[in-house]
Amino acid sequence: MAKLHRVTHRFVERVPSPLEDGVVYVSIEFGTVIHKCCCGCGDKVVTPLTPVDWAVIYDGQSISLYPSIGRWDSPCRSHYWIRSDCVVWSRTWSKREVDALKRGEGELRDDYFGLDQERPDPEGRGDKPE
C-alpha cells in the first residue's frame, strides 16, 4: 500500500479485525482510536484518548487527531497528523528531539497522575530533578 493522504473514519464500539487500510476506527466506549499506519507499512497504530495522550475532534463530517502520530520506535519512523480526515505528513524527528519529547510526556503523565517520583537523568549527569 502506498503512503496515504486521506483517510475515512468509523465510530465503532469494538475495533474489527483485520483493520482496513485507510480507515481510522474511533471507539468512544474504550477511549481509543486505532488505524493502520498511514505510510503503508501495515502496522497497527493505537492512540489512547486521555488528557495526557490524544484527543479526537469530530466536526460532524470528519475527524482530527491531536497531537501528531510519531512512530519513533518503529522501522518506518513515520510522523503525520490526521486533520479533517486528511493525512498531513511531517518531517522525521532526530533522536534528540524524540528523547526530549518522551521526557516531557513522562513528566506530563507523572503530573497528571500525581506521581512525585525522582526520574533518572537521561543525560547521565546524576543531577536530581528540582
Protein backbone atom coordinates (compact mmCIF):
# COMPACT_ATOMS: atom_id res chain seq x y z
CA MET A 1 0.00 0.00 0.00
CA ALA A 2 1.24 3.49 -0.84
CA LYS A 3 1.55 6.40 1.55
CA LEU A 4 -1.92 7.77 2.36
CA HIS A 5 -3.04 11.37 2.08
CA ARG A 6 -6.66 10.84 3.06
CA VAL A 7 -8.50 8.52 5.47
CA THR A 8 -12.08 7.75 6.35
CA HIS A 9 -13.31 7.34 9.89
CA ARG A 10 -15.75 4.99 11.55
CA PHE A 11 -17.20 5.25 15.01
CA VAL A 12 -17.31 1.71 16.41
CA GLU A 13 -18.00 0.02 19.73
CA ARG A 14 -15.34 -2.59 19.07
CA VAL A 15 -12.48 -2.36 16.61
CA PRO A 16 -12.76 -5.03 13.90
CA SER A 17 -10.05 -7.46 12.93
CA PRO A 18 -8.48 -7.22 10.48
CA LEU A 19 -8.18 -3.45 10.16
CA GLU A 20 -8.96 -1.93 6.78
CA ASP A 21 -6.35 0.22 5.05
CA GLY A 22 -7.18 3.92 5.23
CA VAL A 23 -9.86 3.60 7.92
CA VAL A 24 -9.49 5.26 11.32
CA TYR A 25 -11.61 3.49 13.93
CA VAL A 26 -12.85 5.59 16.84
CA SER A 27 -14.15 3.77 19.93
CA ILE A 28 -15.53 6.23 22.44
CA GLU A 29 -16.58 3.33 24.69
CA PHE A 30 -12.98 2.14 25.00
CA GLY A 31 -11.39 5.59 24.69
CA THR A 32 -9.16 4.74 21.78
CA VAL A 33 -8.51 5.42 18.12
CA ILE A 34 -6.89 2.69 16.02
CA HIS A 35 -5.72 2.58 12.41
CA LYS A 36 -3.06 1.06 10.21
CA CYS A 37 -0.01 3.28 9.84
CA CYS A 38 -0.58 5.74 7.01
CA CYS A 39 2.86 5.06 5.49
CA GLY A 40 1.63 1.71 4.19
CA CYS A 41 3.80 -0.49 6.43
CA GLY A 42 0.68 -2.17 7.81
CA ASP A 43 1.49 -1.70 11.50
CA LYS A 44 -1.42 -1.10 13.86
CA VAL A 45 -1.35 2.36 15.48
CA VAL A 46 -3.18 2.68 18.80
CA THR A 47 -3.82 6.16 20.15
CA PRO A 48 -5.45 6.20 23.59
CA LEU A 49 -7.84 9.08 24.25
CA THR A 50 -6.84 10.58 27.61
CA PRO A 51 -5.98 14.05 28.88
CA VAL A 52 -2.27 13.19 28.57
CA ASP A 53 -2.31 11.23 25.30
CA TRP A 54 -4.50 12.03 22.29
CA ALA A 55 -7.77 13.84 21.67
CA VAL A 56 -10.14 13.35 18.77
CA ILE A 57 -12.24 16.16 17.34
CA TYR A 58 -15.33 15.37 15.30
CA ASP A 59 -16.79 18.31 13.37
CA GLY A 60 -19.87 16.48 12.12
CA GLN A 61 -18.17 15.35 8.91
CA SER A 62 -14.55 14.48 9.64
CA ILE A 63 -12.16 13.78 12.49
CA SER A 64 -8.87 15.28 13.57
CA LEU A 65 -6.47 13.65 15.99
CA TYR A 66 -4.18 15.68 18.24
CA PRO A 67 -1.25 15.65 18.73
CA SER A 68 0.56 14.15 15.75
CA ILE A 69 1.31 10.46 15.27
CA GLY A 70 5.03 9.87 15.74
CA ARG A 71 6.13 6.30 15.06
CA TRP A 72 9.55 6.93 16.63
CA ASP A 73 10.27 3.35 17.71
CA SER A 74 9.04 1.58 14.59
CA PRO A 75 11.09 0.83 11.46
CA CYS A 76 9.03 3.23 9.30
CA ARG A 77 9.58 6.22 11.70
CA SER A 78 6.52 7.92 10.16
CA HIS A 79 5.35 11.26 11.50
CA TYR A 80 1.99 12.67 10.47
CA TRP A 81 -1.14 14.48 11.58
CA ILE A 82 -4.73 13.47 10.88
CA ARG A 83 -6.67 16.67 10.24
CA SER A 84 -10.20 16.67 8.85
CA ASP A 85 -9.72 13.12 7.51
CA CYS A 86 -6.56 14.24 5.68
CA VAL A 87 -3.08 12.90 6.43
CA VAL A 88 -0.62 15.76 6.73
CA TRP A 89 2.93 14.43 6.58
CA SER A 90 5.62 15.92 8.76
CA ARG A 91 9.37 15.53 8.88
CA THR A 92 11.03 12.74 10.83
CA TRP A 93 12.46 13.95 14.11
CA SER A 94 16.02 13.44 15.30
CA LYS A 95 16.79 11.15 18.24
CA ARG A 96 17.48 14.22 20.39
CA GLU A 97 14.05 15.70 19.57
CA VAL A 98 12.29 12.39 20.26
CA ASP A 99 14.13 11.93 23.57
CA ALA A 100 13.14 15.45 24.67
CA LEU A 101 9.53 14.78 23.71
CA LYS A 102 9.48 11.49 25.64
CA ARG A 103 10.90 13.20 28.75
CA GLY A 104 8.23 15.89 28.53
CA GLU A 105 5.46 13.34 28.03
CA GLY A 106 6.69 11.36 31.04
CA GLU A 107 6.64 14.47 33.20
CA LEU A 108 3.16 15.38 31.97
CA ARG A 109 1.86 11.91 32.84
CA ASP A 110 3.53 11.99 36.26
CA ASP A 111 1.98 15.40 37.00
CA TYR A 112 -1.44 14.29 35.77
CA PHE A 113 -1.45 11.08 37.80
CA GLY A 114 0.08 12.77 40.84
CA LEU A 115 3.29 10.79 40.81
CA ASP A 116 6.04 12.56 42.69
CA GLN A 117 8.94 10.31 41.85
CA GLU A 118 12.50 11.13 41.03
CA ARG A 119 13.15 10.45 37.39
CA PRO A 120 16.52 9.15 36.23
CA ASP A 121 18.59 11.75 34.43
CA PRO A 122 18.70 10.68 30.76
CA GLU A 123 21.94 12.62 30.27
CA GLY A 124 23.64 10.54 32.99
CA ARG A 125 24.84 13.59 34.92
CA GLY A 126 23.43 12.36 38.22
CA ASP A 127 21.51 15.59 38.82
CA LYS A 128 18.24 15.26 40.66
CA PRO A 129 15.15 16.99 39.25
CA GLU A 130 14.13 20.19 41.03
